[in-house]
C-alpha atoms as a PDB file:
ATOM      1  CA  MET A   1       0.000   0.000   0.000  1.00  0.00           C
ATOM      2  CA  GLN A   2       2.871   2.349   0.755  1.00  0.00           C
ATOM      3  CA  ASN A   3       4.452   1.678  -2.631  1.00  0.00           C
ATOM      4  CA  PHE A   4       1.101   2.168  -4.347  1.00  0.00           C
ATOM      5  CA  LEU A   5       0.584   5.477  -2.547  1.00  0.00           C
ATOM      6  CA  PHE A   6       3.981   6.793  -3.646  1.00  0.00           C
ATOM      7  CA  PHE A   7       3.320   5.512  -7.171  1.00  0.00           C
ATOM      8  CA  SER A   8      -0.026   7.364  -7.260  1.00  0.00           C
ATOM      9  CA  LEU A   9       1.441  10.615  -5.961  1.00  0.00           C
ATOM     10  CA  ARG A  10       4.225  10.491  -8.542  1.00  0.00           C
ATOM     11  CA  SER A  11       1.667   9.832 -11.292  1.00  0.00           C
ATOM     12  CA  PHE A  12      -0.391  12.893 -10.364  1.00  0.00           C
ATOM     13  CA  GLY A  13       2.756  14.981  -9.895  1.00  0.00           C
ATOM     14  CA  ALA A  14       3.903  14.073 -13.406  1.00  0.00           C
ATOM     15  CA  MET A  15       0.891  15.929 -14.845  1.00  0.00           C
ATOM     16  CA  ILE A  16       3.041  19.052 -14.948  1.00  0.00           C
ATOM     17  CA  TRP A  17       4.658  17.433 -18.035  1.00  0.00           C
ATOM     18  CA  MET A  18       1.361  16.998 -19.914  1.00  0.00           C
ATOM     19  CA  LYS A  19       2.397  19.385 -22.691  1.00  0.00           C
ATOM     20  CA  ARG A  20       5.640  17.491 -23.316  1.00  0.00           C
ATOM     21  CA  TYR A  21       3.877  14.125 -23.587  1.00  0.00           C
ATOM     22  CA  TRP A  22       0.688  15.305 -25.298  1.00  0.00           C
ATOM     23  CA  SER A  23       1.247  13.008 -28.300  1.00  0.00           C
ATOM     24  CA  ASP A  24       1.395  10.030 -25.932  1.00  0.00           C
ATOM     25  CA  ILE A  25      -1.795  11.237 -24.246  1.00  0.00           C
ATOM     26  CA  THR A  26      -3.696  11.428 -27.542  1.00  0.00           C
ATOM     27  CA  THR A  27      -2.505   7.940 -28.464  1.00  0.00           C
ATOM     28  CA  GLN A  28      -3.796   6.593 -25.164  1.00  0.00           C
ATOM     29  CA  MET A  29      -7.061   8.526 -25.576  1.00  0.00           C
ATOM     30  CA  TYR A  30      -7.694   6.563 -28.749  1.00  0.00           C
ATOM     31  CA  ALA A  31      -6.710   3.275 -27.103  1.00  0.00           C
ATOM     32  CA  ALA A  32      -8.731   3.842 -23.932  1.00  0.00           C
ATOM     33  CA  GLY A  33     -11.686   5.706 -25.420  1.00  0.00           C
ATOM     34  CA  THR A  34     -12.361   5.351 -29.123  1.00  0.00           C
ATOM     35  CA  SER A  35     -11.388   1.680 -29.247  1.00  0.00           C
ATOM     36  CA  SER A  36     -13.721   0.914 -26.345  1.00  0.00           C
ATOM     37  CA  ILE A  37     -16.882   2.349 -27.887  1.00  0.00           C
ATOM     38  CA  VAL A  38     -18.129  -0.955 -29.303  1.00  0.00           C
ATOM     39  CA  ILE A  39     -18.008  -2.883 -26.030  1.00  0.00           C
ATOM     40  CA  VAL A  40     -19.625   0.052 -24.188  1.00  0.00           C
ATOM     41  CA  LEU A  41     -22.438   0.252 -26.758  1.00  0.00           C
ATOM     42  CA  VAL A  42     -23.159  -3.473 -26.649  1.00  0.00           C
ATOM     43  CA  SER A  43     -23.197  -3.663 -22.847  1.00  0.00           C
ATOM     44  CA  SER A  44     -25.285  -0.476 -22.501  1.00  0.00           C
ATOM     45  CA  ILE A  45     -27.939  -1.584 -24.977  1.00  0.00           C
ATOM     46  CA  SER A  46     -28.200  -4.929 -23.225  1.00  0.00           C
ATOM     47  CA  ILE A  47     -28.572  -3.336 -19.789  1.00  0.00           C
ATOM     48  CA  GLY A  48     -31.095  -0.734 -20.973  1.00  0.00           C
ATOM     49  CA  CYS A  49     -33.270  -3.306 -22.728  1.00  0.00           C
ATOM     50  CA  LEU A  50     -33.132  -5.748 -19.826  1.00  0.00           C
ATOM     51  CA  LEU A  51     -33.981  -3.111 -17.223  1.00  0.00           C
ATOM     52  CA  THR A  52     -36.930  -1.832 -19.231  1.00  0.00           C
ATOM     53  CA  MET A  53     -38.300  -5.321 -19.731  1.00  0.00           C
ATOM     54  CA  GLU A  54     -37.989  -6.367 -16.079  1.00  0.00           C
ATOM     55  CA  VAL A  55     -39.094  -3.062 -14.567  1.00  0.00           C
ATOM     56  CA  GLY A  56     -42.071  -2.884 -16.920  1.00  0.00           C
ATOM     57  CA  ASN A  57     -43.138  -6.395 -15.928  1.00  0.00           C
ATOM     58  CA  GLN A  58     -43.103  -5.449 -12.251  1.00  0.00           C
ATOM     59  CA  LEU A  59     -44.864  -2.096 -12.695  1.00  0.00           C
ATOM     60  CA  GLU A  60     -47.544  -3.623 -14.923  1.00  0.00           C
ATOM     61  CA  SER A  61     -48.823  -5.674 -11.989  1.00  0.00           C
ATOM     62  CA  PHE A  62     -49.452  -2.379 -10.119  1.00  0.00           C
ATOM     63  CA  GLY A  63     -51.035  -0.630 -13.078  1.00  0.00           C
ATOM     64  CA  ALA A  64     -48.115   1.783 -13.332  1.00  0.00           C
ATOM     65  CA  LYS A  65     -46.563   0.613 -16.570  1.00  0.00           C
ATOM     66  CA  THR A  66     -46.233   4.186 -17.870  1.00  0.00           C
ATOM     67  CA  LEU A  67     -43.631   4.857 -15.148  1.00  0.00           C
ATOM     68  CA  THR A  68     -41.263   2.336 -16.721  1.00  0.00           C
ATOM     69  CA  GLY A  69     -39.187   5.095 -18.292  1.00  0.00           C
ATOM     70  CA  ARG A  70     -38.715   6.857 -14.963  1.00  0.00           C
ATOM     71  CA  ALA A  71     -37.445   3.770 -13.166  1.00  0.00           C
ATOM     72  CA  THR A  72     -35.199   2.845 -16.091  1.00  0.00           C
ATOM     73  CA  ALA A  73     -33.747   6.350 -16.363  1.00  0.00           C
ATOM     74  CA  LEU A  74     -32.867   6.602 -12.677  1.00  0.00           C
ATOM     75  CA  SER A  75     -31.303   3.135 -12.679  1.00  0.00           C
ATOM     76  CA  VAL A  76     -29.296   3.719 -15.848  1.00  0.00           C
ATOM     77  CA  ILE A  77     -28.059   7.252 -15.132  1.00  0.00           C
ATOM     78  CA  ARG A  78     -27.297   6.825 -11.445  1.00  0.00           C
ATOM     79  CA  GLU A  79     -25.969   3.294 -11.278  1.00  0.00           C
ATOM     80  CA  MET A  80     -25.941   0.927 -14.220  1.00  0.00           C
ATOM     81  CA  ALA A  81     -24.289   3.007 -16.951  1.00  0.00           C
ATOM     82  CA  PRO A  82     -21.341   4.178 -14.812  1.00  0.00           C
ATOM     83  CA  MET A  83     -20.868   0.763 -13.202  1.00  0.00           C
ATOM     84  CA  VAL A  84     -21.147  -1.306 -16.389  1.00  0.00           C
ATOM     85  CA  THR A  85     -18.888   1.120 -18.262  1.00  0.00           C
ATOM     86  CA  GLY A  86     -16.384   0.964 -15.419  1.00  0.00           C
ATOM     87  CA  LEU A  87     -16.385  -2.829 -15.379  1.00  0.00           C
ATOM     88  CA  MET A  88     -16.021  -3.105 -19.150  1.00  0.00           C
ATOM     89  CA  LEU A  89     -13.150  -0.623 -19.155  1.00  0.00           C
ATOM     90  CA  ALA A  90     -11.514  -2.292 -16.155  1.00  0.00           C
ATOM     91  CA  ALA A  91     -11.445  -5.499 -18.181  1.00  0.00           C
ATOM     92  CA  ARG A  92     -10.404  -4.006 -21.493  1.00  0.00           C
ATOM     93  CA  VAL A  93      -8.328  -0.922 -20.664  1.00  0.00           C
ATOM     94  CA  GLY A  94      -6.966  -2.270 -17.386  1.00  0.00           C
ATOM     95  CA  ALA A  95      -5.790  -5.476 -19.034  1.00  0.00           C
ATOM     96  CA  SER A  96      -4.148  -3.494 -21.820  1.00  0.00           C
ATOM     97  CA  PHE A  97      -2.277  -1.195 -19.431  1.00  0.00           C
ATOM     98  CA  ALA A  98      -1.122  -3.971 -17.120  1.00  0.00           C
ATOM     99  CA  SER A  99       0.032  -6.284 -19.911  1.00  0.00           C
ATOM    100  CA  GLU A 100       1.833  -3.557 -21.881  1.00  0.00           C
ATOM    101  CA  LEU A 101       3.709  -2.205 -18.881  1.00  0.00           C
ATOM    102  CA  GLY A 102       4.344  -5.697 -17.522  1.00  0.00           C
ATOM    103  CA  ALA A 103       5.942  -6.725 -20.819  1.00  0.00           C
ATOM    104  CA  MET A 104       8.055  -3.576 -20.781  1.00  0.00           C
ATOM    105  CA  LYS A 105       9.147  -4.286 -17.218  1.00  0.00           C
ATOM    106  CA  ILE A 106      10.125  -7.880 -18.012  1.00  0.00           C
ATOM    107  CA  SER A 107      12.010  -6.849 -21.160  1.00  0.00           C
ATOM    108  CA  GLU A 108      13.828  -4.106 -19.165  1.00  0.00           C
ATOM    109  CA  GLN A 109      12.498  -1.285 -21.349  1.00  0.00           C
ATOM    110  CA  ILE A 110      11.450   0.621 -18.224  1.00  0.00           C
ATOM    111  CA  ASP A 111      14.986   0.347 -16.861  1.00  0.00           C
ATOM    112  CA  ALA A 112      16.288   1.600 -20.210  1.00  0.00           C
ATOM    113  CA  LEU A 113      14.090   4.695 -19.927  1.00  0.00           C
ATOM    114  CA  ARG A 114      15.587   5.425 -16.506  1.00  0.00           C
ATOM    115  CA  ALA A 115      19.090   4.915 -17.897  1.00  0.00           C
ATOM    116  CA  PHE A 116      18.425   7.555 -20.574  1.00  0.00           C
ATOM    117  CA  GLY A 117      17.176  10.028 -17.963  1.00  0.00           C
ATOM    118  CA  THR A 118      13.435   9.693 -18.688  1.00  0.00           C
ATOM    119  CA  ASP A 119      10.981   9.272 -15.851  1.00  0.00           C
ATOM    120  CA  PRO A 120       9.011   6.117 -16.769  1.00  0.00           C
ATOM    121  CA  ILE A 121       6.009   7.245 -14.735  1.00  0.00           C
ATOM    122  CA  ALA A 122       5.829  10.560 -16.606  1.00  0.00           C
ATOM    123  CA  LYS A 123       6.308   8.794 -19.949  1.00  0.00           C
ATOM    124  CA  LEU A 124       4.142   5.708 -19.450  1.00  0.00           C
ATOM    125  CA  VAL A 125       1.691   6.165 -16.577  1.00  0.00           C
ATOM    126  CA  MET A 126       0.757   9.849 -16.658  1.00  0.00           C
ATOM    127  CA  PRO A 127      -0.455   9.813 -20.311  1.00  0.00           C
ATOM    128  CA  ARG A 128      -2.649   6.812 -19.549  1.00  0.00           C
ATOM    129  CA  LEU A 129      -4.054   8.485 -16.446  1.00  0.00           C
ATOM    130  CA  VAL A 130      -4.869  11.731 -18.242  1.00  0.00           C
ATOM    131  CA  ALA A 131      -6.346   9.875 -21.220  1.00  0.00           C
ATOM    132  CA  THR A 132      -8.729   7.856 -19.071  1.00  0.00           C
ATOM    133  CA  LEU A 133      -9.763  10.929 -17.087  1.00  0.00           C
ATOM    134  CA  ILE A 134     -10.681  12.642 -20.357  1.00  0.00           C
ATOM    135  CA  MET A 135     -12.383   9.708 -22.089  1.00  0.00           C
ATOM    136  CA  PHE A 136     -14.288   7.859 -19.357  1.00  0.00           C
ATOM    137  CA  LEU A 137     -16.845  10.644 -18.841  1.00  0.00           C
ATOM    138  CA  PRO A 138     -18.018  10.892 -22.483  1.00  0.00           C
ATOM    139  CA  LEU A 139     -18.090   7.093 -22.692  1.00  0.00           C
ATOM    140  CA  THR A 140     -20.413   7.032 -19.684  1.00  0.00           C
ATOM    141  CA  ALA A 141     -22.629   9.696 -21.272  1.00  0.00           C
ATOM    142  CA  VAL A 142     -22.832   7.587 -24.437  1.00  0.00           C
ATOM    143  CA  SER A 143     -23.658   4.566 -22.292  1.00  0.00           C
ATOM    144  CA  CYS A 144     -26.539   6.424 -20.612  1.00  0.00           C
ATOM    145  CA  ALA A 145     -27.966   7.642 -23.914  1.00  0.00           C
ATOM    146  CA  VAL A 146     -27.725   4.282 -25.646  1.00  0.00           C
ATOM    147  CA  GLY A 147     -29.202   2.441 -22.657  1.00  0.00           C
ATOM    148  CA  LEU A 148     -32.241   4.740 -22.588  1.00  0.00           C
ATOM    149  CA  ILE A 149     -32.697   4.549 -26.365  1.00  0.00           C
ATOM    150  CA  GLY A 150     -32.553   0.749 -26.228  1.00  0.00           C
ATOM    151  CA  GLY A 151     -35.066   0.849 -23.402  1.00  0.00           C
ATOM    152  CA  SER A 152     -37.437   2.946 -25.512  1.00  0.00           C
ATOM    153  CA  PHE A 153     -37.574   0.279 -28.212  1.00  0.00           C
ATOM    154  CA  VAL A 154     -38.308  -2.428 -25.644  1.00  0.00           C
ATOM    155  CA  ALA A 155     -40.948  -0.233 -23.982  1.00  0.00           C
ATOM    156  CA  GLN A 156     -42.697   0.280 -27.305  1.00  0.00           C
ATOM    157  CA  GLY A 157     -42.296  -3.191 -28.768  1.00  0.00           C
ATOM    158  CA  TYR A 158     -42.609  -5.366 -25.644  1.00  0.00           C
ATOM    159  CA  HIS A 159     -44.790  -3.327 -23.260  1.00  0.00           C
ATOM    160  CA  ASN A 160     -46.731  -1.360 -25.907  1.00  0.00           C
ATOM    161  CA  ILE A 161     -45.867   1.950 -24.207  1.00  0.00           C
ATOM    162  CA  ASP A 162     -46.209   5.010 -26.404  1.00  0.00           C
ATOM    163  CA  PRO A 163     -42.773   6.586 -27.042  1.00  0.00           C
ATOM    164  CA  GLY A 164     -44.102   9.947 -25.860  1.00  0.00           C
ATOM    165  CA  PHE A 165     -45.144   8.498 -22.495  1.00  0.00           C
ATOM    166  CA  TYR A 166     -41.802   6.725 -22.168  1.00  0.00           C
ATOM    167  CA  TRP A 167     -39.627   9.784 -22.861  1.00  0.00           C
ATOM    168  CA  ASN A 168     -41.832  12.043 -20.753  1.00  0.00           C
ATOM    169  CA  SER A 169     -41.402   9.706 -17.776  1.00  0.00           C
ATOM    170  CA  VAL A 170     -37.658   9.580 -18.490  1.00  0.00           C
ATOM    171  CA  LEU A 171     -37.022  13.318 -18.681  1.00  0.00           C
ATOM    172  CA  ALA A 172     -39.619  14.859 -16.362  1.00  0.00           C
ATOM    173  CA  PRO A 173     -38.370  13.548 -12.982  1.00  0.00           C
ATOM    174  CA  LEU A 174     -34.636  13.920 -13.612  1.00  0.00           C
ATOM    175  CA  GLU A 175     -32.889  16.382 -11.315  1.00  0.00           C
ATOM    176  CA  PHE A 176     -29.366  17.720 -10.963  1.00  0.00           C
ATOM    177  CA  HIS A 177     -28.341  15.262  -8.254  1.00  0.00           C
ATOM    178  CA  ASP A 178     -29.280  12.323 -10.498  1.00  0.00           C
ATOM    179  CA  PHE A 179     -26.709  13.432 -13.054  1.00  0.00           C
ATOM    180  CA  LEU A 180     -24.233  14.331 -10.305  1.00  0.00           C
ATOM    181  CA  VAL A 181     -24.342  10.793  -8.892  1.00  0.00           C
ATOM    182  CA  GLY A 182     -23.798   9.259 -12.311  1.00  0.00           C
ATOM    183  CA  PHE A 183     -21.123  11.581 -13.634  1.00  0.00           C
ATOM    184  CA  VAL A 184     -18.976  11.902 -10.510  1.00  0.00           C
ATOM    185  CA  LYS A 185     -18.172   8.223 -10.786  1.00  0.00           C
ATOM    186  CA  PRO A 186     -16.308   7.987 -14.139  1.00  0.00           C
ATOM    187  CA  PRO A 187     -13.309  10.157 -13.122  1.00  0.00           C
ATOM    188  CA  VAL A 188     -12.980   8.196  -9.866  1.00  0.00           C
ATOM    189  CA  PHE A 189     -13.188   4.909 -11.747  1.00  0.00           C
ATOM    190  CA  ALA A 190     -10.633   6.174 -14.272  1.00  0.00           C
ATOM    191  CA  VAL A 191      -8.112   6.954 -11.531  1.00  0.00           C
ATOM    192  CA  ALA A 192      -8.657   3.632  -9.749  1.00  0.00           C
ATOM    193  CA  ILE A 193      -8.477   1.484 -12.900  1.00  0.00           C
ATOM    194  CA  THR A 194      -5.443   3.238 -14.360  1.00  0.00           C
ATOM    195  CA  LEU A 195      -3.333   3.413 -11.220  1.00  0.00           C
ATOM    196  CA  VAL A 196      -4.065  -0.151 -10.109  1.00  0.00           C
ATOM    197  CA  SER A 197      -3.420  -1.599 -13.580  1.00  0.00           C
ATOM    198  CA  CYS A 198      -0.240   0.396 -14.176  1.00  0.00           C
ATOM    199  CA  PHE A 199       1.088  -0.351 -10.694  1.00  0.00           C
ATOM    200  CA  ASN A 200       0.619  -4.081 -11.276  1.00  0.00           C
ATOM    201  CA  GLY A 201       2.324  -3.766 -14.639  1.00  0.00           C
ATOM    202  CA  PHE A 202       5.310  -2.007 -13.048  1.00  0.00           C
ATOM    203  CA  SER A 203       5.410  -4.734 -10.368  1.00  0.00           C
ATOM    204  CA  ALA A 204       5.503  -7.650 -12.826  1.00  0.00           C
ATOM    205  CA  SER A 205       8.283 -10.198 -12.367  1.00  0.00           C
ATOM    206  CA  GLY A 206       8.994 -13.780 -13.328  1.00  0.00           C
ATOM    207  CA  GLY A 207       8.857 -13.691 -17.112  1.00  0.00           C
ATOM    208  CA  THR A 208       5.738 -14.096 -19.232  1.00  0.00           C
ATOM    209  CA  VAL A 209       3.947 -15.931 -16.415  1.00  0.00           C
ATOM    210  CA  GLY A 210       4.476 -12.896 -14.187  1.00  0.00           C
ATOM    211  CA  VAL A 211       3.003 -10.621 -16.862  1.00  0.00           C
ATOM    212  CA  GLY A 212      -0.126 -12.773 -16.972  1.00  0.00           C
ATOM    213  CA  GLN A 213      -0.423 -12.809 -13.199  1.00  0.00           C
ATOM    214  CA  SER A 214      -0.004  -9.036 -12.896  1.00  0.00           C
ATOM    215  CA  THR A 215      -2.616  -8.500 -15.621  1.00  0.00           C
ATOM    216  CA  VAL A 216      -5.161 -10.743 -13.913  1.00  0.00           C
ATOM    217  CA  LYS A 217      -4.480  -9.122 -10.550  1.00  0.00           C
ATOM    218  CA  GLY A 218      -4.951  -5.665 -12.034  1.00  0.00           C
ATOM    219  CA  ILE A 219      -8.291  -6.628 -13.598  1.00  0.00           C
ATOM    220  CA  VAL A 220      -9.609  -8.294 -10.438  1.00  0.00           C
ATOM    221  CA  VAL A 221      -8.602  -5.486  -8.081  1.00  0.00           C
ATOM    222  CA  SER A 222      -9.769  -2.646 -10.343  1.00  0.00           C
ATOM    223  CA  SER A 223     -13.119  -4.369 -11.005  1.00  0.00           C
ATOM    224  CA  GLY A 224     -13.628  -4.850  -7.275  1.00  0.00           C
ATOM    225  CA  LEU A 225     -12.802  -1.199  -6.668  1.00  0.00           C
ATOM    226  CA  VAL A 226     -15.350  -0.139  -9.295  1.00  0.00           C
ATOM    227  CA  LEU A 227     -18.085  -2.047  -7.459  1.00  0.00           C
ATOM    228  CA  LEU A 228     -17.099  -0.693  -4.039  1.00  0.00           C
ATOM    229  CA  LEU A 229     -16.651   2.884  -5.196  1.00  0.00           C
ATOM    230  CA  ASN A 230     -19.951   2.755  -7.085  1.00  0.00           C
ATOM    231  CA  PHE A 231     -21.790   1.985  -3.843  1.00  0.00           C
ATOM    232  CA  TYR A 232     -19.976   4.483  -1.627  1.00  0.00           C
ATOM    233  CA  ILE A 233     -20.171   7.379  -4.093  1.00  0.00           C
ATOM    234  CA  SER A 234     -23.920   6.852  -4.502  1.00  0.00           C
ATOM    235  CA  LYS A 235     -24.362   6.655  -0.744  1.00  0.00           C
ATOM    236  CA  LEU A 236     -22.312   9.774  -0.012  1.00  0.00           C
ATOM    237  CA  VAL A 237     -23.830  11.935  -2.739  1.00  0.00           C
ATOM    238  CA  LEU A 238     -27.443  10.941  -2.130  1.00  0.00           C
ATOM    239  CA  GLU A 239     -27.111  11.349   1.638  1.00  0.00           C
ATOM    240  CA  ASN A 240     -25.703  14.853   1.325  1.00  0.00           C
ATOM    241  CA  LEU A 241     -28.194  16.256  -1.192  1.00  0.00           C
END
């Protein structure tokens, strides 16, 4: 934990060199953001459609089927979109960061950077951290939008809810704190996923087997942190608003 704390502080401190490593940041923005759109879209559509179907079934028994959009919107924006996006990116982006840096550690490329006077954290970790901080928020917004759009098709085709009723129940009850809960989470998830994955990559040892172990450890720990942080952020924000 002490090593991880120092590693995290050095990563944030290296942000003063963002201008120098901007080309590396844009490369990582594409890798962490643009390349992850497909998996985010697929998971978000699935979650939105499933929530609408299940929530509509439950509300129909109470004669409140027209409130399906409201329940779906609150679930997607507050909880499901940020959490599912975080988990998907922990698996995809976290695995990529841990394996790349682990391979560089095993092949002594990180030591070579130090030998040439380059700070490996500023060169390798900081661009990944900044890129995820920039890209995770718009990916979550896309996830919310796609989930609600998918839910609208299920509401119309499966529950026979008029699209106007659905979207009115989605938009009318939304308040500022609903968006605050959902959109505070992505930057926190980005920091947790990036730092944990990169730290495990830097800690890799034992050849190719060690790279695999560090990658798996990074995915498991970052995914667990996403679930824990999702709960505590929701609890703290909703209790204080």
